[in-house]
Protein backbone atom coordinates (compact mmCIF):
# COMPACT_ATOMS: atom_id res chain seq x y z
CA UNK A 1 8.81 47.44 27.64
CA UNK A 2 8.60 47.45 23.84
CA UNK A 3 10.43 44.14 23.85
CA UNK A 4 7.81 42.69 26.21
CA UNK A 5 4.94 43.96 24.00
CA UNK A 6 6.64 42.49 20.93
CA UNK A 7 7.14 39.14 22.69
CA UNK A 8 3.48 38.99 23.80
CA UNK A 9 2.29 39.89 20.30
CA UNK A 10 4.58 37.23 18.83
CA UNK A 11 3.20 34.58 21.19
CA UNK A 12 -0.38 35.56 20.33
CA UNK A 13 0.36 35.30 16.61
CA UNK A 14 2.11 31.97 17.05
CA UNK A 15 -0.80 30.67 19.11
CA UNK A 16 -3.35 31.72 16.48
CA UNK A 17 -1.34 29.97 13.79
CA UNK A 18 -0.90 26.82 15.87
CA UNK A 19 -4.61 26.45 16.59
CA UNK A 20 -6.08 27.72 13.31
CA UNK A 21 -7.10 24.32 11.97
CA UNK A 22 -9.91 21.81 12.36
CA UNK A 23 -9.24 18.76 14.54
CA UNK A 24 -8.91 15.49 12.68
CA UNK A 25 -12.17 13.49 12.73
CA UNK A 26 -12.20 10.44 14.96
CA UNK A 27 -15.13 8.73 13.26
CA UNK A 28 -16.55 8.48 9.73
CA UNK A 29 -18.73 11.56 10.18
CA UNK A 30 -20.04 13.90 12.89
CA UNK A 31 -23.22 15.67 11.73
CA UNK A 32 -23.89 18.96 13.52
CA UNK A 33 -27.09 19.36 15.57
CA UNK A 34 -28.68 22.51 16.97
CA UNK A 35 -30.29 20.86 19.98
CA UNK A 36 -27.99 19.25 22.55
CA UNK A 37 -30.64 16.60 23.28
CA UNK A 38 -30.13 15.28 19.75
CA UNK A 39 -26.39 14.87 20.20
CA UNK A 40 -24.84 11.40 20.51
CA UNK A 41 -21.15 12.09 21.13
CA UNK A 42 -18.45 14.60 20.34
CA UNK A 43 -15.40 14.09 18.10
CA UNK A 44 -14.06 11.11 20.01
CA UNK A 45 -15.33 9.86 23.37
CA UNK A 46 -16.63 11.63 26.44
CA UNK A 47 -14.21 11.60 29.39
CA UNK A 48 -14.64 9.61 32.58
CA UNK A 49 -14.44 11.45 35.90
CA UNK A 50 -10.70 11.27 36.81
CA UNK A 51 -11.66 10.26 40.36
CA UNK A 52 -13.31 7.12 38.98
CA UNK A 53 -10.46 6.02 36.70
CA UNK A 54 -8.91 2.59 37.40
CA UNK A 55 -5.84 0.76 36.13
CA UNK A 56 -8.17 -1.53 34.15
CA UNK A 57 -9.12 1.47 31.99
CA UNK A 58 -5.60 1.28 30.49
CA UNK A 59 -5.29 -2.51 30.20
CA UNK A 60 -6.30 -5.33 27.86
CA UNK A 61 -5.03 -8.87 27.28
CA UNK A 62 -4.84 -9.89 23.61
CA UNK A 63 -5.16 -13.55 22.65
CA UNK A 64 -4.05 -15.06 19.31
CA UNK A 65 -6.65 -14.53 16.59
CA UNK A 66 -8.63 -17.35 14.99
CA UNK A 67 -7.40 -17.66 11.39
CA UNK A 68 -9.89 -20.37 10.39
CA UNK A 69 -11.65 -18.29 7.74
CA UNK A 70 -11.56 -17.66 3.98
CA UNK A 71 -8.72 -15.16 4.26
CA UNK A 72 -6.60 -17.16 6.69
CA UNK A 73 -5.99 -14.11 8.87
CA UNK A 74 -7.42 -12.32 11.87
CA UNK A 75 -6.91 -8.71 12.94
CA UNK A 76 -7.42 -8.04 16.65
CA UNK A 77 -7.72 -4.28 17.17
CA UNK A 78 -6.70 -2.56 20.38
CA UNK A 79 -8.19 0.91 19.96
CA UNK A 80 -10.20 3.23 22.17
CA UNK A 81 -13.20 0.89 22.08
CA UNK A 82 -11.08 -1.88 23.60
CA UNK A 83 -9.00 0.32 25.95
CA UNK A 84 -10.94 3.41 27.11
CA UNK A 85 -7.72 4.94 28.45
CA UNK A 86 -6.57 5.52 24.86
CA UNK A 87 -9.10 8.34 24.53
CA UNK A 88 -7.39 11.58 23.36
CA UNK A 89 -3.95 9.89 23.18
CA UNK A 90 -3.91 9.51 19.39
CA UNK A 91 -2.51 5.95 19.27
CA UNK A 92 -3.72 2.37 18.98
CA UNK A 93 -2.44 -0.98 17.77
CA UNK A 94 -3.57 -4.28 16.31
CA UNK A 95 -2.33 -7.85 16.45
CA UNK A 96 -2.52 -9.64 13.09
CA UNK A 97 -2.39 -13.45 12.95
CA UNK A 98 -1.83 -15.30 9.68
CA UNK A 99 -2.26 -18.95 8.75
CA UNK A 100 0.06 -20.21 5.96
CA UNK A 101 -0.82 -18.18 2.81
CA UNK A 102 -3.13 -16.04 4.93
CA UNK A 103 -3.96 -12.56 3.63
CA UNK A 104 -4.88 -9.28 5.27
CA UNK A 105 -6.59 -7.99 2.10
CA UNK A 106 -6.18 -4.56 0.51
CA UNK A 107 -7.62 -1.95 2.84
CA UNK A 108 -7.08 1.59 4.09
CA UNK A 109 -7.10 3.38 7.43
CA UNK A 110 -8.78 6.75 6.79
CA UNK A 111 -7.61 8.29 10.06
CA UNK A 112 -4.17 6.86 10.77
CA UNK A 113 -0.75 5.84 9.47
CA UNK A 114 0.48 2.35 10.35
CA UNK A 115 3.85 1.00 11.39
CA UNK A 116 4.10 -2.79 11.38
CA UNK A 117 6.68 -5.15 12.91
CA UNK A 118 6.85 -8.87 12.14
CA UNK A 119 6.99 -10.96 15.32
CA UNK A 120 7.01 -14.35 13.62
CA UNK A 121 7.10 -15.64 10.03
CA UNK A 122 7.57 -13.97 6.65
CA UNK A 123 5.19 -11.43 5.10
CA UNK A 124 4.94 -9.88 1.65
CA UNK A 125 3.58 -6.37 2.24
CA UNK A 126 2.90 -3.31 0.15
CA UNK A 127 0.97 -0.12 -0.39
CA UNK A 128 -0.20 1.82 -3.45
CA UNK A 129 0.51 5.54 -3.77
CA UNK A 130 -2.20 8.01 -4.82
CA UNK A 131 -3.11 8.98 -8.39
CA UNK A 132 -0.84 12.00 -7.97
CA UNK A 133 2.09 9.58 -7.68
CA UNK A 134 0.97 7.35 -10.57
CA UNK A 135 -0.46 4.66 -8.25
CA UNK A 136 3.09 3.38 -7.69
CA UNK A 137 3.23 0.09 -5.80
CA UNK A 138 5.79 -0.19 -2.98
CA UNK A 139 6.44 -3.74 -1.74
CA UNK A 140 8.82 -5.56 0.57
CA UNK A 141 9.30 -9.06 1.97
CA UNK A 142 9.51 -8.81 5.75
CA UNK A 143 11.05 -11.32 8.14
CA UNK A 144 11.03 -11.51 11.93
CA UNK A 145 12.08 -8.15 13.37
CA UNK A 146 11.52 -6.19 10.16
CA UNK A 147 9.46 -2.98 10.27
CA UNK A 148 7.42 -1.33 7.48
CA UNK A 149 5.33 1.85 7.34
CA UNK A 150 1.99 2.36 5.56
CA UNK A 151 1.13 6.07 5.12
CA UNK A 152 -2.29 7.30 6.19
CA UNK A 153 -5.17 6.62 3.81
CA UNK A 154 -3.24 4.55 1.27
CA UNK A 155 -4.37 1.08 0.18
CA UNK A 156 -2.12 -1.62 1.67
CA UNK A 157 -1.99 -5.37 2.33
CA UNK A 158 -0.02 -8.15 4.03
CA UNK A 159 0.36 -11.73 2.74
CA UNK A 160 1.97 -14.63 4.59
CA UNK A 161 4.51 -16.10 2.15
CA UNK A 162 6.26 -18.30 4.71
CA UNK A 163 5.72 -21.98 5.35
CA UNK A 164 4.23 -21.56 8.82
CA UNK A 165 2.05 -19.18 10.77
CA UNK A 166 2.94 -15.50 11.01
CA UNK A 167 2.28 -12.78 13.58
CA UNK A 168 2.61 -9.01 13.24
CA UNK A 169 1.91 -6.04 15.48
CA UNK A 170 0.71 -2.80 13.90
CA UNK A 171 0.87 0.56 15.62
CA UNK A 172 -1.52 3.25 14.35
CA UNK A 173 -1.47 7.02 14.74
CA UNK A 174 -5.08 7.37 15.90
CA UNK A 175 -7.17 6.13 18.79
CA UNK A 176 -9.76 5.15 16.16
CA UNK A 177 -8.00 4.77 12.78
CA UNK A 178 -10.92 3.07 11.06
CA UNK A 179 -10.62 0.46 8.34
CA UNK A 180 -12.10 0.22 4.83
CA UNK A 181 -11.62 -3.19 3.20
CA UNK A 182 -11.67 -2.44 -0.53
CA UNK A 183 -13.52 -5.53 -1.79
CA UNK A 184 -16.14 -5.32 0.96
CA UNK A 185 -16.75 -1.62 0.33
CA UNK A 186 -17.13 -1.99 -3.44
CA UNK A 187 -19.04 -5.26 -3.69
CA UNK A 188 -20.60 -5.72 -0.26
CA UNK A 189 -21.94 -2.26 0.57
CA UNK A 190 -25.43 -1.71 1.96
CA UNK A 191 -27.20 -1.06 -0.34
CA UNK A 192 -25.12 -2.21 -3.32
CA UNK A 193 -23.38 0.36 -5.48
CA UNK A 194 -25.20 0.61 -8.82
CA UNK A 195 -23.99 -1.97 -11.35
CA UNK A 196 -23.95 0.84 -13.91
CA UNK A 197 -21.29 2.59 -11.82
CA UNK A 198 -19.17 -0.51 -11.22
CA UNK A 199 -19.29 -1.91 -14.77
CA UNK A 200 -18.12 1.41 -16.15
CA UNK A 201 -15.46 1.91 -13.44
CA UNK A 202 -13.95 -1.56 -13.93
CA UNK A 203 -14.75 -1.87 -17.65
CA UNK A 204 -16.30 -5.34 -17.21
CA UNK A 205 -19.55 -7.06 -18.08
CA UNK A 206 -22.52 -6.79 -15.73
CA UNK A 207 -22.34 -10.54 -15.03
CA UNK A 208 -18.91 -10.04 -13.42
CA UNK A 209 -20.31 -7.44 -11.03
CA UNK A 210 -23.31 -9.66 -10.25
CA UNK A 211 -20.95 -12.54 -9.44
CA UNK A 212 -18.78 -10.42 -7.17
CA UNK A 213 -21.77 -8.97 -5.32
CA UNK A 214 -23.04 -12.49 -4.56
CA UNK A 215 -19.82 -13.49 -2.81
CA UNK A 216 -19.56 -13.56 0.98
CA UNK A 217 -17.12 -10.80 1.80
CA UNK A 218 -15.52 -11.85 5.08
CA UNK A 219 -14.34 -9.11 7.43
CA UNK A 220 -11.23 -10.27 9.31
CA UNK A 221 -11.27 -7.26 11.67
């Protein structure tokens, strides 16, 4: 009997340890409200009645992206917004199309790591480690069939260095990984970040910041 009591106590302790953490956020923020009438959604999406679920809830066809833009690339996300059946599953993917010299510019995914496989063409890819690791840059030239991993939250990019078009598929470890394109966030925010902040951060003249803020920051997602 003592063995049984010990086993039950051990399971209780293990359970408390396993669940003693906050769930990872599935959006930029989720502000608490006291009145339920003021609530919009929970951390993620509300669930459909299982009796009403259809095969279409787990399906989507993905066409090639239009790369006729300043960056020469197009990211087509397939996350919970596109496939409702991904809700609570913790995964998503994206198709990335590149014109010759096309760039998926430096960006981060605040809620997911990324694993990318090249389907066609040649890509120069890389990510930058955190300040703790001296902002070390890790790069690799990828050809068809090559796979590369970008850890969660780190700035990364992909550049088509081949002579033709390129295609890649990226798997992400969140149903809603989010994306922050660095240039857009710094110089195209609403409202603009104070020039006093940016000139000091980048150690440049105010005219440089003014120029950058006047550019059209294209979002290829």
